[in-house]
Amino acid sequence: MRILLTVAYDGSEYYGWQRQKDFMTVQQRLEEALSTLLKKEITVRGASRTDTGVHSLGQRAVFTDNTLTIPTEKIPLAVNSFLPDDIVVTDAVEVDENFHPQYSVTDKTYEYKILNSKYKNPLLVRYTEFIRPKLNISAMRAACPYFLGEHNFKAFCATGGSSKTTVRTIYSLDIEEDGDIIIIRINGNGFLYNMVRIIAGTLVYVGLGKIKADDIGDIIESLDRTRAGKTLSPNGLTLMEVNYE
C-alpha cells in the first residue's frame, strides 16, 4: 500500500523538512514515528523541501508498506501519539503505486505573514516577519499582477537551488490585511529556492517605496537577482496546500 499523508508542523525547531546527517528535521521525526508505530524502518518522500524555520499546514508525504494492517483513516491518530507536539499528521489516503508526491503536483499555495506595527508581538515572533515602517498596501497590490503567468523567475531565486529550470507559473497572488497582519498568499505550479520569500521581500520594497510596482515586469525580464527585494526570514512562511489531480 502507498499512503499519502498530510502533515502540519511548526518549523521553528527544525532544520527544514528534508532529512540531514547532523541536524534534526521534520522528515526524520516523521520517519522515526512511523517506524516505531509499524515496527519496521519506514522512509517518506515529501512534496516540498521547506527550509529551516518554515512552517506547514499542508505538507504532503508518501510512504509504502505492503503489510500494513492499520486502517488508512486510523493512521493519523496512531502516528501522532509518537510525534512531538509541533508535528501533526492530519490526513491519510491510499494512492496508486505510481503516485509521486512531487511530480504529480498540480499546484501549491504558500502564505507569508508580516506584522506591520510599531512594536513586535512576542506571541507572533515565530510566525511573522516584523516590519515597523508603514507599508503602502495599495502599491503592493498593484505590483501583484506583474508576477502572474509563466515567467523565468531567475531574479527571484537564491543561489544553491537544484532546479533544472527557473521557469514557473504563478496562478494567483493576493494580499490581505488582518489588523496589523499582512498576509501575502501565492499559488503556483511550483516554486524555486527561496522564491516566495524573495517575492514577499520585493513586495515589501514596493510597499516602502524602494521599488515601483510597474518595475516588476522589468525585474522579472532582467533575470538579475540583485534587482529584486531582499529574502525575508523563514518564520513568516507557511506551506498551506499541495494539490494533485
Protein backbone atom coordinates (compact mmCIF):
# COMPACT_ATOMS: atom_id res chain seq x y z
CA MET A 1 0.00 0.00 0.00
CA ARG A 2 1.13 3.51 -0.82
CA ILE A 3 -0.13 6.10 1.66
CA LEU A 4 -0.26 9.87 1.17
CA LEU A 5 -0.08 11.85 4.41
CA THR A 6 -0.91 15.49 5.07
CA VAL A 7 1.47 16.93 7.65
CA ALA A 8 1.28 20.17 9.65
CA TYR A 9 4.24 21.47 11.64
CA ASP A 10 5.81 24.40 13.38
CA GLY A 11 9.22 24.52 11.72
CA SER A 12 10.88 26.74 14.33
CA GLU A 13 12.90 23.97 15.96
CA TYR A 14 13.83 22.07 12.79
CA TYR A 15 16.42 22.41 10.05
CA GLY A 16 13.76 22.18 7.39
CA TRP A 17 11.82 19.22 6.07
CA GLN A 18 14.46 17.07 4.39
CA ARG A 19 16.50 14.61 6.44
CA GLN A 20 20.05 15.75 7.19
CA LYS A 21 23.01 13.95 8.66
CA ASP A 22 23.76 16.21 11.63
CA PHE A 23 20.55 18.18 12.24
CA MET A 24 17.02 17.31 13.29
CA THR A 25 14.40 17.70 10.54
CA VAL A 26 10.66 17.15 10.21
CA GLN A 27 11.18 14.23 7.83
CA GLN A 28 13.40 12.46 10.36
CA ARG A 29 10.85 12.89 13.16
CA LEU A 30 8.06 11.59 10.94
CA GLU A 31 10.08 8.59 9.76
CA GLU A 32 11.03 7.73 13.33
CA ALA A 33 7.39 7.89 14.44
CA LEU A 34 6.16 5.73 11.55
CA SER A 35 8.96 3.23 12.10
CA THR A 36 8.05 2.94 15.79
CA LEU A 37 4.35 2.56 15.00
CA LEU A 38 4.79 -0.04 12.25
CA LYS A 39 7.79 -1.80 13.85
CA LYS A 40 9.90 -1.57 10.70
CA GLU A 41 12.07 1.02 9.01
CA ILE A 42 9.89 3.47 7.10
CA THR A 43 11.08 6.21 4.76
CA VAL A 44 8.92 9.01 3.41
CA ARG A 45 9.19 11.35 0.44
CA GLY A 46 7.79 14.85 0.83
CA ALA A 47 6.21 17.16 -1.71
CA SER A 48 8.19 20.28 -0.71
CA ARG A 49 11.62 20.76 0.84
CA THR A 50 10.65 23.52 3.24
CA ASP A 51 13.64 25.37 4.66
CA THR A 52 14.82 25.80 8.24
CA GLY A 53 12.17 27.63 10.26
CA VAL A 54 9.42 27.37 7.61
CA HIS A 55 6.03 26.08 8.75
CA SER A 56 3.35 23.94 7.15
CA LEU A 57 -0.35 23.23 7.35
CA GLY A 58 -0.43 21.19 4.15
CA GLN A 59 2.85 19.37 3.51
CA ARG A 60 2.34 16.03 1.75
CA ALA A 61 4.44 12.92 2.20
CA VAL A 62 4.22 9.36 0.88
CA PHE A 63 5.36 6.05 2.35
CA THR A 64 4.91 2.43 1.25
CA ASP A 65 4.13 -0.58 3.42
CA ASN A 66 2.92 -3.79 1.78
CA THR A 67 1.98 -5.41 5.10
CA LEU A 68 0.06 -2.51 6.61
CA THR A 69 -2.72 -3.70 8.94
CA ILE A 70 -3.86 -0.34 10.36
CA PRO A 71 -6.87 1.11 8.52
CA THR A 72 -5.71 4.09 6.47
CA GLU A 73 -8.08 6.51 8.18
CA LYS A 74 -6.65 5.49 11.59
CA ILE A 75 -3.03 6.24 10.69
CA PRO A 76 -3.05 9.94 11.70
CA LEU A 77 -4.25 9.29 15.25
CA ALA A 78 -1.92 6.33 15.61
CA VAL A 79 1.25 8.02 14.39
CA ASN A 80 0.55 11.30 16.19
CA SER A 81 0.99 9.53 19.52
CA PHE A 82 4.66 9.05 18.58
CA LEU A 83 5.23 12.59 17.28
CA PRO A 84 6.20 15.74 19.21
CA ASP A 85 3.50 18.36 19.67
CA ASP A 86 4.89 20.58 16.91
CA ILE A 87 4.29 17.95 14.18
CA VAL A 88 0.82 16.57 13.42
CA VAL A 89 -0.40 14.23 10.68
CA THR A 90 -3.88 15.47 9.76
CA ASP A 91 -4.91 13.09 6.97
CA ALA A 92 -4.01 9.81 5.26
CA VAL A 93 -5.30 8.38 1.99
CA GLU A 94 -4.29 5.43 -0.16
CA VAL A 95 -2.87 6.34 -3.57
CA ASP A 96 -1.82 4.48 -6.70
CA GLU A 97 1.57 2.77 -6.59
CA ASN A 98 2.80 5.08 -9.37
CA PHE A 99 1.84 8.23 -7.48
CA HIS A 100 4.74 10.63 -6.84
CA PRO A 101 4.38 13.38 -4.20
CA GLN A 102 6.49 15.85 -6.21
CA TYR A 103 5.95 15.03 -9.88
CA SER A 104 2.17 14.59 -9.52
CA VAL A 105 1.64 18.07 -8.02
CA THR A 106 -0.68 20.43 -9.89
CA ASP A 107 -0.21 23.47 -7.66
CA LYS A 108 0.98 24.69 -4.26
CA THR A 109 -0.16 27.54 -2.05
CA TYR A 110 2.04 29.45 0.38
CA GLU A 111 1.27 32.28 2.77
CA TYR A 112 3.76 34.84 4.02
CA LYS A 113 2.73 36.86 7.09
CA ILE A 114 4.11 40.25 8.05
CA LEU A 115 3.50 42.09 11.31
CA ASN A 116 3.40 45.75 10.27
CA SER A 117 3.22 47.65 13.54
CA LYS A 118 5.14 49.93 15.88
CA TYR A 119 6.13 47.12 18.23
CA LYS A 120 6.89 43.43 17.96
CA ASN A 121 4.38 40.94 19.32
CA PRO A 122 6.24 38.22 21.26
CA LEU A 123 3.42 35.75 20.53
CA LEU A 124 3.90 36.21 16.78
CA VAL A 125 7.70 36.29 16.51
CA ARG A 126 7.89 32.70 15.30
CA TYR A 127 5.23 33.17 12.62
CA THR A 128 5.68 36.65 11.15
CA GLU A 129 8.28 38.99 9.71
CA PHE A 130 8.29 42.23 11.74
CA ILE A 131 8.39 45.47 9.74
CA ARG A 132 7.94 48.77 11.60
CA PRO A 133 7.58 51.35 8.78
CA LYS A 134 4.03 51.60 7.49
CA LEU A 135 3.67 49.69 4.22
CA ASN A 136 1.70 51.01 1.25
CA ILE A 137 -0.67 48.09 0.71
CA SER A 138 -2.25 49.64 -2.39
CA ALA A 139 1.14 49.83 -4.10
CA MET A 140 1.91 46.25 -3.11
CA ARG A 141 -1.39 45.07 -4.57
CA ALA A 142 -0.69 46.99 -7.78
CA ALA A 143 2.56 45.02 -8.15
CA CYS A 144 0.92 41.59 -7.81
CA PRO A 145 -0.44 41.20 -11.38
CA TYR A 146 3.06 41.51 -12.87
CA PHE A 147 4.00 38.18 -11.26
CA LEU A 148 1.08 36.25 -12.73
CA GLY A 149 1.54 33.77 -15.55
CA GLU A 150 4.54 31.81 -16.78
CA HIS A 151 7.89 33.57 -16.37
CA ASN A 152 11.55 32.86 -15.90
CA PHE A 153 11.88 33.70 -12.20
CA LYS A 154 15.65 33.57 -12.02
CA ALA A 155 15.66 37.06 -10.46
CA PHE A 156 13.63 35.60 -7.58
CA CYS A 157 15.75 32.52 -6.91
CA ALA A 158 18.52 32.26 -4.33
CA THR A 159 21.79 30.56 -5.18
CA GLY A 160 22.05 26.95 -4.07
CA GLY A 161 18.89 25.63 -5.68
CA SER A 162 18.92 22.40 -7.70
CA SER A 163 16.06 23.06 -10.16
CA LYS A 164 16.75 22.24 -13.80
CA THR A 165 14.73 25.26 -14.97
CA THR A 166 13.82 28.59 -13.38
CA VAL A 167 10.56 28.88 -15.34
CA ARG A 168 7.45 28.70 -13.15
CA THR A 169 3.78 29.67 -13.44
CA ILE A 170 2.04 31.80 -10.82
CA TYR A 171 -1.75 31.37 -10.85
CA SER A 172 -2.69 33.87 -8.16
CA LEU A 173 -1.03 36.38 -5.84
CA ASP A 174 -3.15 38.28 -3.31
CA ILE A 175 -2.60 40.47 -0.27
CA GLU A 176 -4.99 40.56 2.68
CA GLU A 177 -4.97 42.61 5.88
CA ASP A 178 -5.99 41.31 9.29
CA GLY A 179 -5.40 44.16 11.72
CA ASP A 180 -1.62 44.67 11.80
CA ILE A 181 -1.02 41.38 9.97
CA ILE A 182 -0.40 41.48 6.22
CA ILE A 183 -0.92 38.12 4.51
CA ILE A 184 0.67 37.50 1.12
CA ARG A 185 -0.92 34.42 -0.47
CA ILE A 186 0.61 32.90 -3.60
CA ASN A 187 -0.42 29.88 -5.67
CA GLY A 188 1.59 28.36 -8.49
CA ASN A 189 2.70 25.16 -10.18
CA GLY A 190 5.96 25.19 -8.24
CA PHE A 191 8.49 27.47 -6.58
CA LEU A 192 12.25 27.95 -6.75
CA TYR A 193 14.65 28.05 -3.82
CA ASN A 194 13.55 30.96 -1.57
CA MET A 195 11.28 32.23 -4.36
CA VAL A 196 8.27 33.02 -2.16
CA ARG A 197 10.40 34.80 0.43
CA ILE A 198 12.08 36.89 -2.29
CA ILE A 199 8.75 37.78 -3.90
CA ALA A 200 7.47 38.79 -0.45
CA GLY A 201 10.62 40.85 0.11
CA THR A 202 10.16 42.54 -3.25
CA LEU A 203 6.55 43.40 -2.41
CA VAL A 204 7.78 44.88 0.86
CA TYR A 205 10.24 47.06 -1.09
CA VAL A 206 7.30 48.23 -3.20
CA GLY A 207 5.38 48.98 -0.01
CA LEU A 208 8.32 51.00 1.30
CA GLY A 209 8.71 52.91 -1.98
CA LYS A 210 12.10 51.38 -2.80
CA ILE A 211 10.73 49.69 -5.95
CA LYS A 212 7.87 50.89 -8.14
CA ALA A 213 5.03 48.49 -8.85
CA ASP A 214 5.46 48.86 -12.62
CA ASP A 215 9.17 47.98 -12.33
CA ILE A 216 8.32 44.35 -11.51
CA GLY A 217 7.99 43.30 -15.15
CA ASP A 218 11.45 44.67 -15.96
CA ILE A 219 12.94 42.96 -12.90
CA ILE A 220 11.49 39.61 -13.98
CA GLU A 221 12.82 40.05 -17.53
CA SER A 222 16.27 41.09 -16.26
CA LEU A 223 16.87 37.68 -14.62
CA ASP A 224 19.02 39.69 -12.16
CA ARG A 225 18.65 38.67 -8.51
CA THR A 226 20.21 41.95 -7.32
CA ARG A 227 17.30 43.97 -8.71
CA ALA A 228 14.64 42.20 -6.62
CA GLY A 229 13.96 42.71 -2.93
CA LYS A 230 15.67 41.00 -0.04
CA THR A 231 14.92 37.45 1.08
CA LEU A 232 12.60 37.72 4.07
CA SER A 233 13.04 35.49 7.11
CA PRO A 234 11.69 31.91 7.03
CA ASN A 235 9.46 32.28 10.09
CA GLY A 236 6.80 34.22 8.19
CA LEU A 237 6.34 31.47 5.60
CA THR A 238 3.81 28.63 5.75
CA LEU A 239 3.11 25.95 3.16
CA MET A 240 -0.69 25.91 3.09
CA GLU A 241 -1.66 23.38 0.42
CA VAL A 242 -0.20 20.91 -2.05
CA ASN A 243 -2.78 19.77 -4.61
CA TYR A 244 -2.91 16.85 -7.03
CA GLU A 245 -5.11 15.87 -9.94
